[in-house]
C-alpha atoms as a PDB file:
ATOM      1  CA  MET A   1     142.813 129.692 115.004  1.00  0.00           C
ATOM      2  CA  ASN A   2     139.986 127.914 116.785  1.00  0.00           C
ATOM      3  CA  MET A   3     138.698 124.358 116.812  1.00  0.00           C
ATOM      4  CA  VAL A   4     135.819 125.244 114.488  1.00  0.00           C
ATOM      5  CA  ASP A   5     138.198 126.452 111.757  1.00  0.00           C
ATOM      6  CA  VAL A   6     140.356 123.345 112.102  1.00  0.00           C
ATOM      7  CA  ALA A   7     137.327 121.028 112.016  1.00  0.00           C
ATOM      8  CA  GLN A   8     136.033 122.817 108.908  1.00  0.00           C
ATOM      9  CA  ALA A   9     139.401 122.363 107.204  1.00  0.00           C
ATOM     10  CA  ILE A  10     139.411 118.647 108.007  1.00  0.00           C
ATOM     11  CA  GLU A  11     135.856 118.211 106.759  1.00  0.00           C
ATOM     12  CA  TRP A  12     136.583 120.197 103.570  1.00  0.00           C
ATOM     13  CA  GLN A  13     139.636 118.060 102.828  1.00  0.00           C
ATOM     14  CA  ALA A  14     137.668 114.854 103.438  1.00  0.00           C
ATOM     15  CA  SER A  15     134.911 116.054 101.105  1.00  0.00           C
ATOM     16  CA  HIS A  16     137.499 117.022  98.516  1.00  0.00           C
ATOM     17  CA  ALA A  17     138.988 113.510  98.637  1.00  0.00           C
ATOM     18  CA  GLU A  18     135.513 112.036  98.154  1.00  0.00           C
ATOM     19  CA  GLN A  19     134.871 114.333  95.189  1.00  0.00           C
ATOM     20  CA  ALA A  20     138.189 113.197  93.705  1.00  0.00           C
ATOM     21  CA  GLY A  21     137.267 109.514  93.960  1.00  0.00           C
ATOM     22  CA  ALA A  22     139.214 108.667  97.124  1.00  0.00           C
ATOM     23  CA  PRO A  23     136.569 107.709  99.724  1.00  0.00           C
ATOM     24  CA  ASN A  24     138.972 105.594 101.792  1.00  0.00           C
ATOM     25  CA  THR A  25     141.405 108.474 102.152  1.00  0.00           C
ATOM     26  CA  ALA A  26     138.439 110.702 103.006  1.00  0.00           C
ATOM     27  CA  ARG A  27     137.553 108.441 105.941  1.00  0.00           C
ATOM     28  CA  VAL A  28     141.119 108.575 107.286  1.00  0.00           C
ATOM     29  CA  VAL A  29     141.182 112.369 106.969  1.00  0.00           C
ATOM     30  CA  ARG A  30     137.800 112.656 108.677  1.00  0.00           C
ATOM     31  CA  ALA A  31     139.148 110.554 111.563  1.00  0.00           C
ATOM     32  CA  LEU A  32     141.431 113.500 112.375  1.00  0.00           C
ATOM     33  CA  LEU A  33     138.388 115.065 114.041  1.00  0.00           C
ATOM     34  CA  LYS A  34     138.788 112.432 116.766  1.00  0.00           C
ATOM     35  CA  VAL A  35     142.545 113.003 116.921  1.00  0.00           C
ATOM     36  CA  LEU A  36     141.719 116.534 118.093  1.00  0.00           C
ATOM     37  CA  GLU A  37     140.328 114.949 121.266  1.00  0.00           C
ATOM     38  CA  THR A  38     143.441 112.890 122.028  1.00  0.00           C
ATOM     39  CA  ASP A  39     146.023 113.892 124.597  1.00  0.00           C
ATOM     40  CA  THR A  40     148.861 113.785 122.067  1.00  0.00           C
ATOM     41  CA  ALA A  41     151.376 116.252 120.667  1.00  0.00           C
ATOM     42  CA  VAL A  42     149.858 115.738 117.200  1.00  0.00           C
ATOM     43  CA  GLY A  43     146.333 116.352 118.490  1.00  0.00           C
ATOM     44  CA  ARG A  44     147.352 119.511 120.347  1.00  0.00           C
ATOM     45  CA  ARG A  45     149.296 120.905 117.409  1.00  0.00           C
ATOM     46  CA  ILE A  46     146.407 120.299 115.015  1.00  0.00           C
ATOM     47  CA  ALA A  47     143.900 121.805 117.434  1.00  0.00           C
ATOM     48  CA  ASN A  48     146.047 124.929 117.918  1.00  0.00           C
ATOM     49  CA  TRP A  49     147.204 125.257 114.327  1.00  0.00           C
ATOM     50  CA  LYS A  50     148.748 128.658 113.648  1.00  0.00           C
ATOM     51  CA  GLY A  51     147.689 129.975 110.275  1.00  0.00           C
ATOM     52  CA  LEU A  52     145.209 128.885 107.659  1.00  0.00           C
ATOM     53  CA  SER A  53     144.937 125.142 108.209  1.00  0.00           C
ATOM     54  CA  LEU A  54     143.280 124.545 104.834  1.00  0.00           C
ATOM     55  CA  GLU A  55     145.681 126.657 102.798  1.00  0.00           C
ATOM     56  CA  ASP A  56     148.531 124.992 104.677  1.00  0.00           C
ATOM     57  CA  ALA A  57     147.002 121.604 103.744  1.00  0.00           C
ATOM     58  CA  MET A  58     147.368 120.608 107.377  1.00  0.00           C
ATOM     59  CA  PRO A  59     145.077 117.533 107.064  1.00  0.00           C
ATOM     60  CA  LEU A  60     147.145 116.213 104.148  1.00  0.00           C
ATOM     61  CA  ARG A  61     150.400 116.661 106.058  1.00  0.00           C
ATOM     62  CA  ILE A  62     149.419 114.241 108.800  1.00  0.00           C
ATOM     63  CA  ASN A  63     147.607 112.003 106.313  1.00  0.00           C
ATOM     64  CA  GLY A  64     150.961 111.487 104.580  1.00  0.00           C
ATOM     65  CA  GLY A  65     152.507 110.407 107.865  1.00  0.00           C
ATOM     66  CA  LEU A  66     149.730 107.908 108.507  1.00  0.00           C
ATOM     67  CA  HIS A  67     150.105 106.426 105.019  1.00  0.00           C
ATOM     68  CA  ASN A  68     153.867 106.208 105.595  1.00  0.00           C
ATOM     69  CA  LEU A  69     153.271 103.899 108.567  1.00  0.00           C
ATOM     70  CA  LEU A  70     151.668 101.437 106.167  1.00  0.00           C
ATOM     71  CA  LEU A  71     154.130 101.858 103.286  1.00  0.00           C
ATOM     72  CA  THR A  72     157.109 101.238 105.570  1.00  0.00           C
ATOM     73  CA  GLY A  73     155.438  98.195 107.164  1.00  0.00           C
ATOM     74  CA  THR A  74     155.596  99.892 110.566  1.00  0.00           C
ATOM     75  CA  ASP A  75     151.900  99.343 111.227  1.00  0.00           C
ATOM     76  CA  LEU A  76     149.408  97.644 108.890  1.00  0.00           C
ATOM     77  CA  ARG A  77     146.141  98.569 110.601  1.00  0.00           C
ATOM     78  CA  LEU A  78     145.160 101.034 107.876  1.00  0.00           C
ATOM     79  CA  GLN A  79     145.514  98.400 105.133  1.00  0.00           C
ATOM     80  CA  PRO A  80     141.840  97.267 105.264  1.00  0.00           C
ATOM     81  CA  VAL A  81     140.768 100.924 105.455  1.00  0.00           C
ATOM     82  CA  TYR A  82     142.718 101.982 102.370  1.00  0.00           C
ATOM     83  CA  SER A  83     141.574  98.878 100.495  1.00  0.00           C
ATOM     84  CA  GLY A  84     137.931  99.649 101.298  1.00  0.00           C
ATOM     85  CA  LEU A  85     137.298  96.571 103.462  1.00  0.00           C
ATOM     86  CA  THR A  86     136.796  98.651 106.617  1.00  0.00           C
ATOM     87  CA  THR A  87     134.368 101.496 105.993  1.00  0.00           C
ATOM     88  CA  ASN A  88     132.765 102.107 109.379  1.00  0.00           C
ATOM     89  CA  GLN A  89     133.796 105.613 110.380  1.00  0.00           C
ATOM     90  CA  ALA A  90     133.731 104.886 114.129  1.00  0.00           C
ATOM     91  CA  GLU A  91     136.138 101.949 113.637  1.00  0.00           C
ATOM     92  CA  ILE A  92     138.432 104.074 111.510  1.00  0.00           C
ATOM     93  CA  ASP A  93     138.296 106.902 114.060  1.00  0.00           C
ATOM     94  CA  ALA A  94     139.488 104.469 116.738  1.00  0.00           C
ATOM     95  CA  ILE A  95     142.288 103.075 114.540  1.00  0.00           C
ATOM     96  CA  VAL A  96     143.619 106.511 113.585  1.00  0.00           C
ATOM     97  CA  ALA A  97     143.422 107.846 117.139  1.00  0.00           C
ATOM     98  CA  ASP A  98     145.329 104.818 118.422  1.00  0.00           C
ATOM     99  CA  LEU A  99     147.973 105.156 115.682  1.00  0.00           C
ATOM    100  CA  VAL A 100     148.525 108.772 116.696  1.00  0.00           C
ATOM    101  CA  ARG A 101     148.863 107.810 120.354  1.00  0.00           C
ATOM    102  CA  LYS A 102     151.358 105.040 119.560  1.00  0.00           C
ATOM    103  CA  TYR A 103     153.415 106.932 116.946  1.00  0.00           C
ATOM    104  CA  ASP A 104     152.961 110.454 118.264  1.00  0.00           C
ATOM    105  CA  THR A 105     156.668 111.362 118.159  1.00  0.00           C
ATOM    106  CA  ARG A 106     157.157 109.878 114.693  1.00  0.00           C
ATOM    107  CA  LEU A 107     154.068 111.542 113.200  1.00  0.00           C
ATOM    108  CA  LEU A 108     154.604 115.029 114.677  1.00  0.00           C
ATOM    109  CA  PRO A 109     157.335 116.137 112.177  1.00  0.00           C
ATOM    110  CA  TRP A 110     154.987 115.426 109.268  1.00  0.00           C
ATOM    111  CA  LEU A 111     153.175 118.609 110.298  1.00  0.00           C
ATOM    112  CA  ASP A 112     156.309 120.709 109.768  1.00  0.00           C
ATOM    113  CA  GLY A 113     155.949 121.224 106.008  1.00  0.00           C
ATOM    114  CA  PRO A 114     153.341 121.094 103.241  1.00  0.00           C
ATOM    115  CA  PRO A 115     152.715 117.847 101.371  1.00  0.00           C
ATOM    116  CA  GLN A 116     154.919 117.192  98.369  1.00  0.00           C
ATOM    117  CA  THR A 117     152.076 116.459  95.984  1.00  0.00           C
ATOM    118  CA  ASN A 118     154.191 116.181  92.868  1.00  0.00           C
ATOM    119  CA  GLU A 119     151.938 114.691  90.204  1.00  0.00           C
ATOM    120  CA  ALA A 120     152.930 114.000  86.598  1.00  0.00           C
ATOM    121  CA  GLY A 121     149.254 113.584  85.691  1.00  0.00           C
ATOM    122  CA  ARG A 122     148.772 117.336  86.070  1.00  0.00           C
ATOM    123  CA  SER A 123     151.189 117.952  83.210  1.00  0.00           C
ATOM    124  CA  TRP A 124     148.237 117.442  80.861  1.00  0.00           C
ATOM    125  CA  GLY A 125     147.402 121.049  81.753  1.00  0.00           C
ATOM    126  CA  PHE A 126     150.871 122.387  81.038  1.00  0.00           C
ATOM    127  CA  MET A 127     151.146 120.630  77.666  1.00  0.00           C
ATOM    128  CA  SER A 128     147.587 121.510  76.626  1.00  0.00           C
ATOM    129  CA  ALA A 129     148.272 125.150  77.438  1.00  0.00           C
ATOM    130  CA  LEU A 130     151.524 125.070  75.458  1.00  0.00           C
ATOM    131  CA  LEU A 131     149.729 123.581  72.449  1.00  0.00           C
ATOM    132  CA  TRP A 132     147.203 126.408  72.672  1.00  0.00           C
ATOM    133  CA  LEU A 133     149.817 129.104  73.288  1.00  0.00           C
ATOM    134  CA  SER A 134     151.908 127.876  70.354  1.00  0.00           C
ATOM    135  CA  GLY A 135     149.216 129.153  68.010  1.00  0.00           C
ATOM    136  CA  LYS A 136     149.365 132.566  69.700  1.00  0.00           C
ATOM    137  CA  VAL A 137     153.049 133.196  70.437  1.00  0.00           C
ATOM    138  CA  GLY A 138     155.007 130.574  68.526  1.00  0.00           C
ATOM    139  CA  PRO A 139     156.247 127.036  69.286  1.00  0.00           C
ATOM    140  CA  LYS A 140     159.342 127.665  71.462  1.00  0.00           C
ATOM    141  CA  PHE A 141     159.136 127.875  75.250  1.00  0.00           C
ATOM    142  CA  ALA A 142     161.456 128.321  78.248  1.00  0.00           C
ATOM    143  CA  ILE A 143     159.523 127.075  81.285  1.00  0.00           C
ATOM    144  CA  TYR A 144     159.991 127.941  84.971  1.00  0.00           C
ATOM    145  CA  GLU A 145     157.931 125.943  87.479  1.00  0.00           C
ATOM    146  CA  LEU A 146     157.095 127.072  91.015  1.00  0.00           C
ATOM    147  CA  GLY A 147     156.798 124.505  93.794  1.00  0.00           C
ATOM    148  CA  ALA A 148     158.302 121.813  91.604  1.00  0.00           C
ATOM    149  CA  SER A 149     158.825 119.401  94.544  1.00  0.00           C
ATOM    150  CA  ALA A 150     160.818 116.481  93.090  1.00  0.00           C
ATOM    151  CA  GLY A 151     160.906 118.114  89.667  1.00  0.00           C
ATOM    152  CA  VAL A 152     158.544 115.531  88.187  1.00  0.00           C
ATOM    153  CA  ASN A 153     156.904 118.013  85.833  1.00  0.00           C
ATOM    154  CA  THR A 154     160.193 119.658  84.907  1.00  0.00           C
ATOM    155  CA  MET A 155     160.770 116.431  82.963  1.00  0.00           C
ATOM    156  CA  MET A 156     157.594 116.828  80.893  1.00  0.00           C
ATOM    157  CA  ASP A 157     159.633 117.340  77.735  1.00  0.00           C
ATOM    158  CA  ARG A 158     160.397 113.607  78.083  1.00  0.00           C
ATOM    159  CA  TYR A 159     156.758 112.505  78.536  1.00  0.00           C
ATOM    160  CA  HIS A 160     154.447 111.051  75.918  1.00  0.00           C
ATOM    161  CA  PHE A 161     151.063 112.797  75.841  1.00  0.00           C
ATOM    162  CA  ASP A 162     147.762 111.714  74.332  1.00  0.00           C
ATOM    163  CA  LEU A 163     145.366 114.605  74.908  1.00  0.00           C
ATOM    164  CA  GLY A 164     142.071 113.742  73.316  1.00  0.00           C
ATOM    165  CA  GLY A 165     143.898 112.215  70.355  1.00  0.00           C
ATOM    166  CA  VAL A 166     146.487 114.990  70.043  1.00  0.00           C
ATOM    167  CA  THR A 167     149.858 113.390  70.756  1.00  0.00           C
ATOM    168  CA  SER A 168     153.188 114.903  71.721  1.00  0.00           C
ATOM    169  CA  GLY A 169     156.525 113.747  73.130  1.00  0.00           C
ATOM    170  CA  PRO A 170     158.676 110.645  72.612  1.00  0.00           C
ATOM    171  CA  ASP A 171     156.761 107.457  71.804  1.00  0.00           C
ATOM    172  CA  ASP A 172     159.080 105.285  73.909  1.00  0.00           C
ATOM    173  CA  SER A 173     158.752 107.327  77.121  1.00  0.00           C
ATOM    174  CA  PRO A 174     157.954 105.334  80.300  1.00  0.00           C
ATOM    175  CA  MET A 175     155.691 108.240  81.322  1.00  0.00           C
ATOM    176  CA  ARG A 176     152.359 108.091  79.498  1.00  0.00           C
ATOM    177  CA  ILE A 177     149.979 110.985  80.138  1.00  0.00           C
ATOM    178  CA  ALA A 178     146.595 110.138  78.640  1.00  0.00           C
ATOM    179  CA  PRO A 179     143.706 111.396  80.794  1.00  0.00           C
ATOM    180  CA  GLU A 180     140.120 110.535  79.963  1.00  0.00           C
ATOM    181  CA  TRP A 181     139.336 113.447  77.650  1.00  0.00           C
ATOM    182  CA  ARG A 182     136.136 115.465  77.728  1.00  0.00           C
ATOM    183  CA  GLY A 183     135.263 118.032  75.097  1.00  0.00           C
ATOM    184  CA  SER A 184     137.208 118.746  71.943  1.00  0.00           C
ATOM    185  CA  PRO A 185     140.989 118.199  71.946  1.00  0.00           C
ATOM    186  CA  PRO A 186     143.464 121.064  72.295  1.00  0.00           C
ATOM    187  CA  PRO A 187     144.801 122.556  69.053  1.00  0.00           C
ATOM    188  CA  GLU A 188     147.487 120.512  67.315  1.00  0.00           C
ATOM    189  CA  HIS A 189     150.347 123.017  67.152  1.00  0.00           C
ATOM    190  CA  PRO A 190     154.079 122.248  67.390  1.00  0.00           C
ATOM    191  CA  VAL A 191     155.705 122.646  70.810  1.00  0.00           C
ATOM    192  CA  GLU A 192     159.437 122.875  71.476  1.00  0.00           C
ATOM    193  CA  ILE A 193     160.548 123.112  75.108  1.00  0.00           C
ATOM    194  CA  VAL A 194     163.891 124.885  74.856  1.00  0.00           C
ATOM    195  CA  SER A 195     164.530 124.672  78.608  1.00  0.00           C
ATOM    196  CA  ILE A 196     162.630 123.806  81.755  1.00  0.00           C
ATOM    197  CA  ARG A 197     163.612 124.516  85.359  1.00  0.00           C
ATOM    198  CA  GLY A 198     161.871 124.315  88.707  1.00  0.00           C
ATOM    199  CA  CYS A 199     162.212 125.628  92.248  1.00  0.00           C
ATOM    200  CA  ASP A 200     161.045 124.383  95.624  1.00  0.00           C
ATOM    201  CA  GLN A 201     161.755 125.357  99.222  1.00  0.00           C
ATOM    202  CA  ALA A 202     162.326 121.690 100.083  1.00  0.00           C
ATOM    203  CA  PRO A 203     163.083 119.822  96.858  1.00  0.00           C
ATOM    204  CA  VAL A 204     162.849 116.035  96.849  1.00  0.00           C
ATOM    205  CA  ASP A 205     165.718 113.986  95.424  1.00  0.00           C
ATOM    206  CA  LEU A 206     164.167 111.114  93.459  1.00  0.00           C
ATOM    207  CA  SER A 207     167.473 109.227  93.563  1.00  0.00           C
ATOM    208  CA  ASP A 208     167.172 108.963  97.363  1.00  0.00           C
ATOM    209  CA  PRO A 209     164.957 105.925  98.204  1.00  0.00           C
ATOM    210  CA  GLU A 210     163.833 107.472 101.507  1.00  0.00           C
ATOM    211  CA  ALA A 211     162.852 110.747  99.816  1.00  0.00           C
ATOM    212  CA  ALA A 212     161.030 108.862  97.051  1.00  0.00           C
ATOM    213  CA  LEU A 213     159.120 106.885  99.695  1.00  0.00           C
ATOM    214  CA  ARG A 214     158.124 110.126 101.389  1.00  0.00           C
ATOM    215  CA  LEU A 215     156.764 111.363  98.063  1.00  0.00           C
ATOM    216  CA  LYS A 216     154.736 108.168  97.699  1.00  0.00           C
ATOM    217  CA  SER A 217     153.368 108.649 101.214  1.00  0.00           C
ATOM    218  CA  TYR A 218     151.504 111.754 100.058  1.00  0.00           C
ATOM    219  CA  VAL A 219     149.830 109.785  97.255  1.00  0.00           C
ATOM    220  CA  TRP A 220     146.304 108.720  98.111  1.00  0.00           C
ATOM    221  CA  PRO A 221     146.289 104.884  98.263  1.00  0.00           C
ATOM    222  CA  GLU A 222     143.330 104.585  95.865  1.00  0.00           C
ATOM    223  CA  ALA A 223     145.424 106.254  93.161  1.00  0.00           C
ATOM    224  CA  ILE A 224     147.313 103.189  91.918  1.00  0.00           C
ATOM    225  CA  ALA A 225     148.114 104.867  88.590  1.00  0.00           C
ATOM    226  CA  ARG A 226     149.812 107.712  90.479  1.00  0.00           C
ATOM    227  CA  MET A 227     152.224 105.261  92.090  1.00  0.00           C
ATOM    228  CA  GLY A 228     153.089 103.990  88.605  1.00  0.00           C
ATOM    229  CA  ARG A 229     153.788 107.534  87.456  1.00  0.00           C
ATOM    230  CA  ILE A 230     156.139 108.123  90.390  1.00  0.00           C
ATOM    231  CA  GLU A 231     158.043 104.969  89.411  1.00  0.00           C
ATOM    232  CA  ALA A 232     158.268 106.256  85.820  1.00  0.00           C
ATOM    233  CA  ALA A 233     159.505 109.627  87.100  1.00  0.00           C
ATOM    234  CA  ILE A 234     162.170 107.883  89.200  1.00  0.00           C
ATOM    235  CA  GLU A 235     163.306 106.001  86.076  1.00  0.00           C
ATOM    236  CA  LEU A 236     163.547 109.199  84.025  1.00  0.00           C
ATOM    237  CA  ALA A 237     165.344 111.088  86.810  1.00  0.00           C
ATOM    238  CA  GLY A 238     167.856 108.239  87.028  1.00  0.00           C
ATOM    239  CA  LYS A 239     168.779 108.808  83.386  1.00  0.00           C
ATOM    240  CA  GLN A 240     168.898 112.599  83.661  1.00  0.00           C
ATOM    241  CA  ALA A 241     168.130 114.496  86.857  1.00  0.00           C
ATOM    242  CA  PRO A 242     165.581 117.323  86.589  1.00  0.00           C
ATOM    243  CA  ASP A 243     166.875 120.903  86.687  1.00  0.00           C
ATOM    244  CA  LEU A 244     165.712 121.799  90.172  1.00  0.00           C
ATOM    245  CA  VAL A 245     166.881 124.483  92.597  1.00  0.00           C
ATOM    246  CA  LYS A 246     166.146 125.042  96.305  1.00  0.00           C
ATOM    247  CA  GLN A 247     164.773 128.574  96.298  1.00  0.00           C
ATOM    248  CA  ASP A 248     161.940 130.809  97.439  1.00  0.00           C
ATOM    249  CA  ALA A 249     159.252 131.317  94.783  1.00  0.00           C
ATOM    250  CA  GLY A 250     159.655 135.099  94.772  1.00  0.00           C
ATOM    251  CA  ASP A 251     163.433 134.925  94.340  1.00  0.00           C
ATOM    252  CA  PHE A 252     163.020 132.350  91.581  1.00  0.00           C
ATOM    253  CA  VAL A 253     160.632 134.602  89.641  1.00  0.00           C
ATOM    254  CA  ARG A 254     162.917 137.601  90.193  1.00  0.00           C
ATOM    255  CA  GLU A 255     165.841 135.700  88.693  1.00  0.00           C
ATOM    256  CA  MET A 256     163.694 134.372  85.861  1.00  0.00           C
ATOM    257  CA  LEU A 257     162.594 137.839  84.819  1.00  0.00           C
ATOM    258  CA  ALA A 258     166.120 139.255  85.129  1.00  0.00           C
ATOM    259  CA  GLN A 259     167.673 136.728  82.747  1.00  0.00           C
ATOM    260  CA  PRO A 260     168.217 137.647  79.075  1.00  0.00           C
ATOM    261  CA  GLN A 261     165.437 136.300  76.884  1.00  0.00           C
ATOM    262  CA  GLN A 262     166.112 134.696  73.542  1.00  0.00           C
ATOM    263  CA  SER A 263     164.143 136.184  70.684  1.00  0.00           C
ATOM    264  CA  GLY A 264     161.415 133.856  69.447  1.00  0.00           C
ATOM    265  CA  VAL A 265     161.202 131.980  72.768  1.00  0.00           C
ATOM    266  CA  THR A 266     158.271 132.564  75.122  1.00  0.00           C
ATOM    267  CA  ARG A 267     159.197 132.698  78.788  1.00  0.00           C
ATOM    268  CA  VAL A 268     156.596 130.749  80.814  1.00  0.00           C
ATOM    269  CA  LEU A 269     155.875 130.734  84.551  1.00  0.00           C
ATOM    270  CA  SER A 270     153.962 127.588  85.544  1.00  0.00           C
ATOM    271  CA  HIS A 271     152.590 125.924  88.660  1.00  0.00           C
ATOM    272  CA  SER A 272     150.011 123.313  89.639  1.00  0.00           C
ATOM    273  CA  ILE A 273     148.252 123.031  93.005  1.00  0.00           C
ATOM    274  CA  VAL A 274     150.940 125.116  94.677  1.00  0.00           C
ATOM    275  CA  TRP A 275     149.688 128.721  94.720  1.00  0.00           C
ATOM    276  CA  GLN A 276     147.866 128.202  98.041  1.00  0.00           C
ATOM    277  CA  TYR A 277     151.142 127.244  99.754  1.00  0.00           C
ATOM    278  CA  ILE A 278     152.941 130.450  98.755  1.00  0.00           C
ATOM    279  CA  PRO A 279     152.634 133.290 101.324  1.00  0.00           C
ATOM    280  CA  GLU A 280     150.083 135.934 100.353  1.00  0.00           C
ATOM    281  CA  SER A 281     152.699 138.700 100.252  1.00  0.00           C
ATOM    282  CA  THR A 282     154.874 136.655  97.873  1.00  0.00           C
ATOM    283  CA  ARG A 283     151.892 135.878  95.652  1.00  0.00           C
ATOM    284  CA  ALA A 284     151.079 139.583  95.437  1.00  0.00           C
ATOM    285  CA  TRP A 285     154.689 140.410  94.558  1.00  0.00           C
ATOM    286  CA  ILE A 286     154.831 137.719  91.847  1.00  0.00           C
ATOM    287  CA  GLU A 287     151.602 138.961  90.296  1.00  0.00           C
ATOM    288  CA  LYS A 288     152.839 142.549  90.242  1.00  0.00           C
ATOM    289  CA  ALA A 289     156.242 141.515  88.840  1.00  0.00           C
ATOM    290  CA  MET A 290     154.655 139.410  86.095  1.00  0.00           C
ATOM    291  CA  GLU A 291     152.305 142.221  85.092  1.00  0.00           C
ATOM    292  CA  GLU A 292     155.175 144.709  84.961  1.00  0.00           C
ATOM    293  CA  ALA A 293     157.255 142.298  82.875  1.00  0.00           C
ATOM    294  CA  GLY A 294     154.214 141.653  80.722  1.00  0.00           C
ATOM    295  CA  ARG A 295     153.931 145.326  79.841  1.00  0.00           C
ATOM    296  CA  ALA A 296     157.468 145.135  78.440  1.00  0.00           C
ATOM    297  CA  ALA A 297     156.839 141.891  76.524  1.00  0.00           C
ATOM    298  CA  THR A 298     156.806 141.962  72.724  1.00  0.00           C
ATOM    299  CA  ALA A 299     155.856 139.676  69.864  1.00  0.00           C
ATOM    300  CA  GLU A 300     159.531 138.669  69.640  1.00  0.00           C
ATOM    301  CA  LYS A 301     159.869 138.115  73.404  1.00  0.00           C
ATOM    302  CA  PRO A 302     156.484 137.059  74.833  1.00  0.00           C
ATOM    303  CA  LEU A 303     155.678 136.178  78.439  1.00  0.00           C
ATOM    304  CA  ALA A 304     153.113 133.630  79.638  1.00  0.00           C
ATOM    305  CA  TRP A 305     151.722 132.295  82.909  1.00  0.00           C
ATOM    306  CA  ILE A 306     150.130 128.835  83.142  1.00  0.00           C
ATOM    307  CA  ALA A 307     148.309 127.888  86.351  1.00  0.00           C
ATOM    308  CA  LEU A 308     146.421 124.697  87.202  1.00  0.00           C
ATOM    309  CA  GLU A 309     144.920 125.489  90.597  1.00  0.00           C
ATOM    310  CA  THR A 310     141.961 124.604  92.803  1.00  0.00           C
ATOM    311  CA  ASN A 311     138.727 126.560  92.724  1.00  0.00           C
ATOM    312  CA  ARG A 312     137.666 125.977  96.336  1.00  0.00           C
ATOM    313  CA  ALA A 313     134.039 126.867  95.667  1.00  0.00           C
ATOM    314  CA  THR A 314     133.545 124.253  92.938  1.00  0.00           C
ATOM    315  CA  PHE A 315     136.272 121.672  93.744  1.00  0.00           C
ATOM    316  CA  ARG A 316     137.375 122.142  90.136  1.00  0.00           C
ATOM    317  CA  HIS A 317     141.050 122.302  89.232  1.00  0.00           C
ATOM    318  CA  GLU A 318     141.083 124.994  86.584  1.00  0.00           C
ATOM    319  CA  LEU A 319     143.626 125.581  83.834  1.00  0.00           C
ATOM    320  CA  TYR A 320     144.125 129.316  83.418  1.00  0.00           C
ATOM    321  CA  VAL A 321     146.538 131.104  81.101  1.00  0.00           C
ATOM    322  CA  ARG A 322     147.666 134.718  80.839  1.00  0.00           C
ATOM    323  CA  TYR A 323     150.069 135.893  78.163  1.00  0.00           C
ATOM    324  CA  TRP A 324     151.635 139.135  77.026  1.00  0.00           C
ATOM    325  CA  GLN A 325     153.098 140.171  73.668  1.00  0.00           C
ATOM    326  CA  GLY A 326     152.306 143.863  73.401  1.00  0.00           C
ATOM    327  CA  GLY A 327     149.172 143.653  75.549  1.00  0.00           C
ATOM    328  CA  GLU A 328     147.639 141.077  77.882  1.00  0.00           C
ATOM    329  CA  LYS A 329     145.222 138.272  77.048  1.00  0.00           C
ATOM    330  CA  ALA A 330     143.858 135.558  79.302  1.00  0.00           C
ATOM    331  CA  ALA A 331     141.713 132.447  79.016  1.00  0.00           C
ATOM    332  CA  LEU A 332     140.250 129.668  81.125  1.00  0.00           C
ATOM    333  CA  LEU A 333     141.266 126.680  78.996  1.00  0.00           C
ATOM    334  CA  GLY A 334     139.766 123.787  80.929  1.00  0.00           C
ATOM    335  CA  CYS A 335     139.585 121.868  84.160  1.00  0.00           C
ATOM    336  CA  GLY A 336     140.584 118.436  85.354  1.00  0.00           C
ATOM    337  CA  HIS A 337     140.838 115.804  88.042  1.00  0.00           C
ATOM    338  CA  PRO A 338     143.370 116.807  90.746  1.00  0.00           C
ATOM    339  CA  HIS A 339     145.625 113.887  89.795  1.00  0.00           C
ATOM    340  CA  GLY A 340     145.023 113.945  86.063  1.00  0.00           C
ATOM    341  CA  ALA A 341     142.544 111.044  85.732  1.00  0.00           C
ATOM    342  CA  TRP A 342     140.368 113.155  83.414  1.00  0.00           C
ATOM    343  CA  ALA A 343     140.542 116.513  81.702  1.00  0.00           C
ATOM    344  CA  GLU A 344     137.979 118.751  80.071  1.00  0.00           C
ATOM    345  CA  TRP A 345     138.868 121.244  77.375  1.00  0.00           C
ATOM    346  CA  PHE A 346     136.741 124.397  77.108  1.00  0.00           C
ATOM    347  CA  ASP A 347     137.791 125.300  73.559  1.00  0.00           C
ATOM    348  CA  PRO A 348     138.247 129.057  74.220  1.00  0.00           C
ATOM    349  CA  ILE A 349     137.729 131.372  71.254  1.00  0.00           C
ATOM    350  CA  CYS A 350     140.208 134.110  72.209  1.00  0.00           C
END
């Protein structure tokens, strides 16, 4: 890894934040370029990052730590930056560099693991895909989510959705998922989630205030609605904890595919903005395992794969589905804002 690669990753992440409507976060991320020049443990570790700094979401790791300083009241100097009152990049560079110098030891561990970007807003993609799949494979689904973090989206059976006028889920749910809809709505088919389970290498316990605060630290400060969704998720988890296991993604898929499948229930692998964090060898194994299992799938026991992931060339977060029931079919169903502010349905014909 060289400084050019790291600088490119920082600049890409800053541009991505701007594209997603978070210019204040973008300025803080861009200030990491100056952190590279500081004589700090954080600066040295960033500059000598081992691995793919963009795929590892290295800029977002340390960005979470910086936001945590504000959320905990430890240091309030980023408040005017996040609120948009301070926009001069040179000023922000100086603030961030000084924060890293002062809180070097505290910030360093934030680089140890990927950001826990659990976002209920992305469940628009999962539910839209299920509505579409219901017309292909039937209404019953057993869902297995990779990289489920705090298990926020493994509670989607308790969310209320309004997807371009197509509604689903309990009307009295504290979690309301209603993105600005573009294009025609998804098909209005019945959906029954028979079971839903998630895995993560470092799951977050929403009942632990410190863990919940860490989750909030990864939320971009401009995204006020996201904070509200985390609070709603905490409320739902307090009533019934999500089914979440600490496990490697490959092992989780292996167990999923080995379990007996109920006739008339489609087994679904799902994930959102997590594929990049899974090692390449594990991704290759999962793809091969799913394709092998797909060849054995039948109309009575179908298999599906729902992915909402980033297209790095276009900044689009694309909703892609593959399913098997005696042959494979696939479709790009739509795209959306990374945090679910808007969604666009492509109305696929297949």
